[in-house]
């Protein structure tokens, strides 16, 4: 096994190095915390392609506008809007690409309920790519498949985390007119190990196998959806985990316990963006534009992004907003999360503890912090 060219804590796990290797000498393997890293075997001929595409060279292109056009929007189709995490913008953006014979790449669940990047060629396939999935996706092979589609002359819409969009551009090495990229405001990528530990415990409690995980389940309202998750099972029943019962999202949103180390110093915050378009929840939007069914933020970062947005306007309710409005409700647009020093110990403890047992001490710590914070506010 050959030595890596970068420190493990700086690796995003994007997988571009594995995809570009002409000798298939690189495999993405999970470490003890569940985060994948490149492992180089003896087939390596030291061609240097892996280092060239690596985002840690700091030479990725800043290709888009410093101040993007900003919109609040949602799909006019109520079914699309409900079945989407926010306002259904991804689905509406993808439809004209597919209708024109193109393909769409995005994250879907596989049979193990883990997340992987896939390519779809019809609107039925879009259902699998909808909704937020709060763990790192396996991007194995997707950059090569996108390149082949582009070389065949097809339009491609690629949606991923900002680091994955940057990785695709680095992998391709040149601009493709028919490629449109969409990134999202990312809080941080979670460990699949933590997610599987949480889900396995729920499966044991329910004595059934999970067939679908629906994060940010909007029954009960969009604004309260981040801590509401629905899980469907193979025997036909479903459960909804909400508030502090939703342990996975609770640990993610209040403790940052299982976020990938590199996310604590993310290279892709703020502007200019990596994607032609950026989508997110428009948290903090004024009440007149918030019916609690999901209001999307969409940033138009390039002419290609504007052209696609123009094509879907008739399918949307949309309102142009000032760029400065996005910061109040989307701190993670410009700031990296703080990852606690206890994160690694927590993830390793999952080898011999259930998820709930391992998380319990951190929930108590957070409760104490919230109580103290409340007392301090009252004293001021």
Protein backbone atom coordinates (compact mmCIF):
# COMPACT_ATOMS: atom_id res chain seq x y z
CA UNK A 1 0.00 0.00 0.00
CA UNK A 2 1.43 3.37 -1.06
CA UNK A 3 1.47 6.50 1.07
CA UNK A 4 -1.22 9.12 0.47
CA UNK A 5 -0.35 12.61 -0.74
CA UNK A 6 -2.66 14.33 1.78
CA UNK A 7 -3.55 14.26 5.45
CA UNK A 8 -6.65 12.08 6.08
CA UNK A 9 -8.48 14.85 7.96
CA UNK A 10 -8.29 17.07 4.86
CA UNK A 11 -9.78 14.49 2.49
CA UNK A 12 -13.39 15.14 1.41
CA UNK A 13 -13.93 11.55 0.27
CA UNK A 14 -15.08 12.85 -3.12
CA UNK A 15 -13.58 9.85 -4.94
CA UNK A 16 -12.32 11.76 -7.99
CA UNK A 17 -8.88 10.22 -7.50
CA UNK A 18 -10.29 6.68 -7.67
CA UNK A 19 -12.34 7.47 -10.78
CA UNK A 20 -9.45 8.99 -12.72
CA UNK A 21 -6.88 6.27 -11.95
CA UNK A 22 -6.11 4.47 -15.26
CA UNK A 23 -4.89 1.35 -13.43
CA UNK A 24 -7.77 1.02 -10.92
CA UNK A 25 -5.13 1.22 -8.22
CA UNK A 26 -7.23 3.33 -5.84
CA UNK A 27 -10.07 2.03 -3.68
CA UNK A 28 -12.16 4.20 -1.38
CA UNK A 29 -12.23 2.44 2.00
CA UNK A 30 -13.88 3.40 5.27
CA UNK A 31 -11.71 4.22 8.28
CA UNK A 32 -12.58 3.39 11.89
CA UNK A 33 -14.98 6.36 11.99
CA UNK A 34 -16.81 5.32 8.82
CA UNK A 35 -15.35 7.98 6.50
CA UNK A 36 -13.96 6.79 3.17
CA UNK A 37 -10.40 7.60 2.08
CA UNK A 38 -8.34 6.55 -0.95
CA UNK A 39 -6.15 3.49 -0.51
CA UNK A 40 -3.48 3.00 -3.19
CA UNK A 41 -2.30 -0.51 -4.05
CA UNK A 42 0.75 -1.77 -5.92
CA UNK A 43 -0.83 -1.37 -9.37
CA UNK A 44 0.04 2.34 -9.06
CA UNK A 45 2.44 3.56 -11.78
CA UNK A 46 2.86 7.03 -10.21
CA UNK A 47 1.28 8.87 -13.14
CA UNK A 48 0.17 11.66 -10.79
CA UNK A 49 -3.40 11.95 -12.06
CA UNK A 50 -4.85 11.36 -8.59
CA UNK A 51 -2.90 14.24 -7.11
CA UNK A 52 -3.80 16.48 -10.05
CA UNK A 53 -7.56 16.12 -9.50
CA UNK A 54 -7.39 16.30 -5.70
CA UNK A 55 -9.26 19.27 -4.26
CA UNK A 56 -6.58 19.72 -1.61
CA UNK A 57 -4.21 21.19 -4.18
CA UNK A 58 -6.27 24.35 -3.67
CA UNK A 59 -6.35 24.97 -7.43
CA UNK A 60 -10.01 24.25 -8.09
CA UNK A 61 -11.68 26.81 -10.33
CA UNK A 62 -13.77 29.68 -8.95
CA UNK A 63 -15.91 30.00 -12.05
CA UNK A 64 -19.04 31.85 -11.02
CA UNK A 65 -20.49 35.19 -9.96
CA UNK A 66 -19.45 36.89 -6.74
CA UNK A 67 -23.01 38.13 -6.15
CA UNK A 68 -25.57 35.67 -7.52
CA UNK A 69 -29.17 36.49 -8.37
CA UNK A 70 -31.32 35.31 -5.48
CA UNK A 71 -34.86 33.93 -5.51
CA UNK A 72 -37.38 32.42 -3.12
CA UNK A 73 -39.36 29.79 -5.02
CA UNK A 74 -41.42 26.62 -4.95
CA UNK A 75 -43.05 24.25 -7.41
CA UNK A 76 -46.65 24.94 -8.40
CA UNK A 77 -47.20 21.17 -8.30
CA UNK A 78 -48.30 20.38 -4.70
CA UNK A 79 -47.28 16.71 -4.96
CA UNK A 80 -43.75 17.57 -6.09
CA UNK A 81 -43.48 20.17 -3.36
CA UNK A 82 -44.64 17.83 -0.59
CA UNK A 83 -42.43 14.93 -1.67
CA UNK A 84 -39.38 17.20 -1.81
CA UNK A 85 -37.37 18.39 1.16
CA UNK A 86 -38.18 22.03 0.53
CA UNK A 87 -39.91 23.56 -2.50
CA UNK A 88 -39.32 20.98 -5.23
CA UNK A 89 -36.75 23.02 -7.17
CA UNK A 90 -34.44 20.08 -7.93
CA UNK A 91 -37.24 18.14 -9.62
CA UNK A 92 -38.33 21.14 -11.68
CA UNK A 93 -34.72 21.82 -12.75
CA UNK A 94 -34.24 18.21 -13.78
CA UNK A 95 -37.39 17.81 -15.87
CA UNK A 96 -36.36 19.89 -18.94
CA UNK A 97 -32.98 18.13 -19.03
CA UNK A 98 -34.66 14.72 -19.18
CA UNK A 99 -37.30 15.90 -21.64
CA UNK A 100 -34.49 16.97 -23.96
CA UNK A 101 -32.87 13.52 -23.88
CA UNK A 102 -30.33 14.37 -21.21
CA UNK A 103 -29.44 12.65 -17.93
CA UNK A 104 -29.51 13.69 -14.28
CA UNK A 105 -26.97 12.66 -11.64
CA UNK A 106 -27.79 12.85 -7.95
CA UNK A 107 -27.89 10.95 -4.65
CA UNK A 108 -30.21 7.99 -4.07
CA UNK A 109 -30.60 5.27 -1.44
CA UNK A 110 -29.40 1.79 -2.38
CA UNK A 111 -30.78 -1.53 -1.14
CA UNK A 112 -28.77 -1.21 2.09
CA UNK A 113 -30.31 2.24 2.76
CA UNK A 114 -26.90 3.81 2.20
CA UNK A 115 -26.50 6.72 -0.22
CA UNK A 116 -24.85 6.56 -3.63
CA UNK A 117 -24.67 8.81 -6.65
CA UNK A 118 -26.68 7.51 -9.58
CA UNK A 119 -27.68 8.66 -13.06
CA UNK A 120 -31.31 8.63 -14.20
CA UNK A 121 -32.72 9.01 -17.69
CA UNK A 122 -36.45 9.50 -17.05
CA UNK A 123 -38.77 11.37 -14.70
CA UNK A 124 -39.74 8.20 -12.81
CA UNK A 125 -36.12 7.91 -11.70
CA UNK A 126 -36.20 11.40 -10.21
CA UNK A 127 -38.24 10.15 -7.27
CA UNK A 128 -35.15 8.34 -5.95
CA UNK A 129 -32.99 11.46 -6.22
CA UNK A 130 -35.35 13.78 -4.33
CA UNK A 131 -34.95 14.82 -0.70
CA UNK A 132 -32.02 15.48 1.59
CA UNK A 133 -29.94 12.50 2.66
CA UNK A 134 -27.82 13.29 5.67
CA UNK A 135 -24.81 11.07 5.09
CA UNK A 136 -21.98 10.90 2.61
CA UNK A 137 -22.88 9.47 -0.78
CA UNK A 138 -20.74 6.89 -2.55
CA UNK A 139 -19.66 8.61 -5.77
CA UNK A 140 -17.78 5.59 -7.14
CA UNK A 141 -17.82 5.72 -10.95
CA UNK A 142 -20.20 8.67 -11.29
CA UNK A 143 -17.61 11.11 -12.65
CA UNK A 144 -16.69 8.67 -15.41
CA UNK A 145 -20.36 8.09 -16.25
CA UNK A 146 -21.00 11.83 -16.43
CA UNK A 147 -18.01 12.26 -18.75
CA UNK A 148 -19.23 9.48 -21.06
CA UNK A 149 -22.68 11.08 -21.28
CA UNK A 150 -21.11 14.44 -22.13
CA UNK A 151 -18.82 12.87 -24.73
CA UNK A 152 -21.93 11.29 -26.27
CA UNK A 153 -23.35 14.79 -26.68
CA UNK A 154 -26.02 14.53 -23.99
CA UNK A 155 -27.02 17.26 -21.57
CA UNK A 156 -26.14 16.46 -17.95
CA UNK A 157 -27.50 17.96 -14.75
CA UNK A 158 -25.24 17.02 -11.82
CA UNK A 159 -26.37 17.69 -8.25
CA UNK A 160 -24.10 17.19 -5.26
CA UNK A 161 -22.36 18.77 -2.29
CA UNK A 162 -20.10 21.70 -3.23
CA UNK A 163 -17.01 19.50 -2.85
CA UNK A 164 -18.51 16.89 -5.19
CA UNK A 165 -19.32 19.53 -7.81
CA UNK A 166 -15.76 20.87 -7.52
CA UNK A 167 -14.46 17.29 -7.82
CA UNK A 168 -16.45 16.73 -11.02
CA UNK A 169 -15.04 19.89 -12.61
CA UNK A 170 -11.53 18.91 -11.54
CA UNK A 171 -12.01 15.40 -12.92
CA UNK A 172 -13.28 16.67 -16.28
CA UNK A 173 -10.46 19.18 -16.59
CA UNK A 174 -12.29 21.38 -19.09
CA UNK A 175 -15.63 23.10 -19.56
CA UNK A 176 -18.53 21.26 -21.17
CA UNK A 177 -21.30 23.42 -22.61
CA UNK A 178 -23.91 20.74 -21.91
CA UNK A 179 -23.01 20.27 -18.24
CA UNK A 180 -25.07 22.13 -15.64
CA UNK A 181 -24.15 21.71 -11.98
CA UNK A 182 -26.23 22.25 -8.85
CA UNK A 183 -24.76 22.45 -5.36
CA UNK A 184 -26.50 23.06 -2.04
CA UNK A 185 -25.79 24.87 1.20
CA UNK A 186 -24.07 22.12 3.15
CA UNK A 187 -23.82 21.97 6.93
CA UNK A 188 -21.45 19.01 6.85
CA UNK A 189 -21.35 15.39 5.68
CA UNK A 190 -22.19 12.68 8.23
CA UNK A 191 -20.53 9.33 8.75
CA UNK A 192 -22.40 6.36 7.24
CA UNK A 193 -21.21 4.37 10.26
CA UNK A 194 -23.23 6.58 12.63
CA UNK A 195 -26.25 6.48 10.36
CA UNK A 196 -26.21 2.67 10.05
CA UNK A 197 -25.80 2.29 13.81
CA UNK A 198 -28.86 4.49 14.38
CA UNK A 199 -30.93 2.77 11.71
CA UNK A 200 -29.98 -0.74 12.84
CA UNK A 201 -31.11 0.04 16.38
CA UNK A 202 -34.50 1.22 15.08
CA UNK A 203 -34.84 -1.92 12.94
CA UNK A 204 -34.20 -4.04 16.04
CA UNK A 205 -36.83 -2.12 18.00
CA UNK A 206 -39.39 -2.44 15.20
CA UNK A 207 -38.42 -6.04 14.33
CA UNK A 208 -38.54 -5.17 10.63
CA UNK A 209 -36.17 -4.04 7.90
CA UNK A 210 -36.21 -0.38 6.87
CA UNK A 211 -37.10 0.18 3.23
CA UNK A 212 -37.13 3.97 3.19
CA UNK A 213 -35.69 6.79 5.28
CA UNK A 214 -37.41 10.14 4.79
CA UNK A 215 -35.45 12.92 6.51
CA UNK A 216 -37.20 16.26 7.04
CA UNK A 217 -40.65 14.70 6.81
CA UNK A 218 -42.99 17.65 6.24
CA UNK A 219 -46.22 16.30 7.74
CA UNK A 220 -46.57 18.78 10.59
CA UNK A 221 -44.90 21.60 8.68
CA UNK A 222 -41.70 22.52 6.86
CA UNK A 223 -40.21 24.70 9.60
CA UNK A 224 -40.27 21.87 12.15
CA UNK A 225 -39.18 19.21 9.65
CA UNK A 226 -35.40 19.15 10.32
CA UNK A 227 -35.95 17.07 13.48
CA UNK A 228 -38.69 14.88 12.00
CA UNK A 229 -37.81 11.64 10.19
CA UNK A 230 -40.12 8.96 8.82
CA UNK A 231 -38.92 5.37 8.40
CA UNK A 232 -40.90 2.83 6.36
CA UNK A 233 -40.49 -0.93 6.92
CA UNK A 234 -40.83 -4.06 4.83
CA UNK A 235 -43.88 -5.27 6.78
CA UNK A 236 -45.82 -2.17 5.68
CA UNK A 237 -45.72 -0.06 8.84
CA UNK A 238 -43.98 3.28 9.39
CA UNK A 239 -42.67 5.22 12.37
CA UNK A 240 -41.98 8.93 12.72
CA UNK A 241 -39.14 10.02 14.99
CA UNK A 242 -39.51 13.60 16.14
CA UNK A 243 -37.65 16.05 18.36
CA UNK A 244 -35.26 14.40 20.82
CA UNK A 245 -36.63 10.98 19.81
CA UNK A 246 -35.02 11.59 16.42
CA UNK A 247 -31.60 10.74 17.76
CA UNK A 248 -29.64 10.88 14.52
CA UNK A 249 -30.74 14.38 13.56
CA UNK A 250 -30.54 15.52 17.19
CA UNK A 251 -26.89 14.50 17.40
CA UNK A 252 -26.15 16.05 14.02
CA UNK A 253 -27.85 19.40 14.60
CA UNK A 254 -26.97 19.97 18.26
CA UNK A 255 -23.57 18.28 18.67
CA UNK A 256 -21.98 17.91 15.19
CA UNK A 257 -20.84 14.53 16.45
CA UNK A 258 -20.41 12.58 13.24
CA UNK A 259 -19.47 15.16 10.62
CA UNK A 260 -16.46 14.51 8.41
CA UNK A 261 -13.33 16.25 9.82
CA UNK A 262 -12.64 18.31 6.67
CA UNK A 263 -16.08 19.94 7.01
CA UNK A 264 -14.78 21.81 10.05
CA UNK A 265 -12.63 23.86 7.66
CA UNK A 266 -14.60 23.71 4.42
CA UNK A 267 -13.00 25.27 1.32
CA UNK A 268 -16.33 25.83 -0.40
CA UNK A 269 -18.22 28.25 1.82
CA UNK A 270 -19.60 31.57 0.63
CA UNK A 271 -19.23 32.87 -2.91
CA UNK A 272 -18.35 32.32 -5.67
CA UNK A 273 -20.13 28.97 -5.73
CA UNK A 274 -19.04 25.76 -7.44
CA UNK A 275 -22.44 25.04 -9.00
CA UNK A 276 -24.20 26.94 -11.77
CA UNK A 277 -27.10 26.95 -9.32
CA UNK A 278 -27.33 26.63 -5.54
CA UNK A 279 -30.46 25.32 -3.80
CA UNK A 280 -31.36 25.26 -0.11
CA UNK A 281 -34.08 25.98 2.42
CA UNK A 282 -34.84 29.70 2.55
CA UNK A 283 -34.85 29.79 6.34
CA UNK A 284 -35.92 33.14 7.74
CA UNK A 285 -37.84 34.25 4.67
CA UNK A 286 -40.61 36.75 5.44
CA UNK A 287 -43.98 35.32 6.46
CA UNK A 288 -45.72 36.38 3.24
CA UNK A 289 -43.54 33.86 1.35
CA UNK A 290 -43.70 31.10 3.95
CA UNK A 291 -46.84 28.95 4.07
CA UNK A 292 -44.89 26.26 5.99
CA UNK A 293 -44.99 23.89 3.01
CA UNK A 294 -41.40 24.54 1.90
CA UNK A 295 -39.80 27.67 0.45
CA UNK A 296 -36.62 27.09 -1.53
CA UNK A 297 -33.68 29.42 -1.87
CA UNK A 298 -32.14 29.34 -5.34
CA UNK A 299 -28.99 31.23 -6.29
CA UNK A 300 -28.26 31.81 -9.98
CA UNK A 301 -24.47 31.63 -10.20
CA UNK A 302 -23.88 31.58 -13.97
CA UNK A 303 -25.44 32.24 -17.36
CA UNK A 304 -26.05 28.50 -17.76
CA UNK A 305 -27.88 28.50 -14.45
CA UNK A 306 -29.98 31.48 -15.52
CA UNK A 307 -30.91 29.82 -18.82
CA UNK A 308 -32.16 26.71 -17.03
CA UNK A 309 -34.03 28.75 -14.42
CA UNK A 310 -35.76 30.70 -17.21
CA UNK A 311 -36.99 27.40 -18.67
CA UNK A 312 -38.77 26.37 -15.46
CA UNK A 313 -40.22 29.68 -14.31
CA UNK A 314 -43.68 28.77 -15.61
CA UNK A 315 -43.66 25.78 -13.22
CA UNK A 316 -42.78 27.89 -10.18
CA UNK A 317 -44.00 30.51 -7.80
CA UNK A 318 -40.92 32.72 -7.48
CA UNK A 319 -39.87 36.07 -6.03
CA UNK A 320 -36.52 37.80 -6.52
CA UNK A 321 -34.87 38.70 -3.23
CA UNK A 322 -31.80 40.56 -2.05
CA UNK A 323 -28.72 38.36 -1.68
CA UNK A 324 -28.12 39.70 1.85
CA UNK A 325 -31.35 38.04 3.07
CA UNK A 326 -29.91 34.54 2.94
CA UNK A 327 -27.40 34.96 5.77
CA UNK A 328 -29.75 35.28 8.74
CA UNK A 329 -31.22 31.80 8.31
CA UNK A 330 -28.32 30.05 6.59
CA UNK A 331 -25.23 30.48 8.76
CA UNK A 332 -23.65 27.46 7.07
CA UNK A 333 -23.60 29.30 3.75
CA UNK A 334 -20.50 31.16 4.90
CA UNK A 335 -19.30 29.39 8.07
CA UNK A 336 -17.94 25.91 8.74
CA UNK A 337 -19.32 23.94 11.67
CA UNK A 338 -17.33 23.33 14.83
CA UNK A 339 -16.57 19.63 15.15
CA UNK A 340 -15.98 18.60 18.78
CA UNK A 341 -12.81 16.78 19.78
CA UNK A 342 -15.04 13.98 21.12
CA UNK A 343 -16.34 13.14 17.64
CA UNK A 344 -13.77 10.42 16.95
CA UNK A 345 -14.27 8.77 20.35
CA UNK A 346 -18.03 8.75 19.80
CA UNK A 347 -17.75 7.09 16.38
CA UNK A 348 -15.30 4.46 17.62
CA UNK A 349 -17.56 3.72 20.61
CA UNK A 350 -20.25 2.55 18.17
CA UNK A 351 -18.18 -0.62 17.69
CA UNK A 352 -19.40 -1.87 21.08
CA UNK A 353 -22.33 0.38 22.03
CA UNK A 354 -25.75 1.01 20.59
CA UNK A 355 -26.30 4.42 19.00
CA UNK A 356 -28.64 5.61 21.77
CA UNK A 357 -26.28 4.47 24.53
CA UNK A 358 -23.31 6.18 22.92
CA UNK A 359 -25.26 9.40 22.31
CA UNK A 360 -26.89 9.71 25.75
CA UNK A 361 -23.98 11.50 27.55
CA UNK A 362 -23.82 14.12 24.79
CA UNK A 363 -27.55 14.76 24.99
CA UNK A 364 -27.17 15.41 28.74
CA UNK A 365 -24.29 17.82 28.06
CA UNK A 366 -26.39 19.72 25.54
CA UNK A 367 -29.31 19.93 27.97
CA UNK A 368 -27.04 21.45 30.63
CA UNK A 369 -25.66 23.93 28.09
CA UNK A 370 -29.17 24.99 27.03
CA UNK A 371 -30.25 25.47 30.65
CA UNK A 372 -27.16 27.56 31.45
CA UNK A 373 -27.61 29.59 28.27
CA UNK A 374 -31.23 30.30 29.21
CA UNK A 375 -30.24 31.40 32.71
CA UNK A 376 -27.55 33.73 31.38
CA UNK A 377 -30.04 35.37 29.01
CA UNK A 378 -32.43 36.00 31.90
CA UNK A 379 -29.68 37.57 33.99
CA UNK A 380 -28.73 40.04 31.25
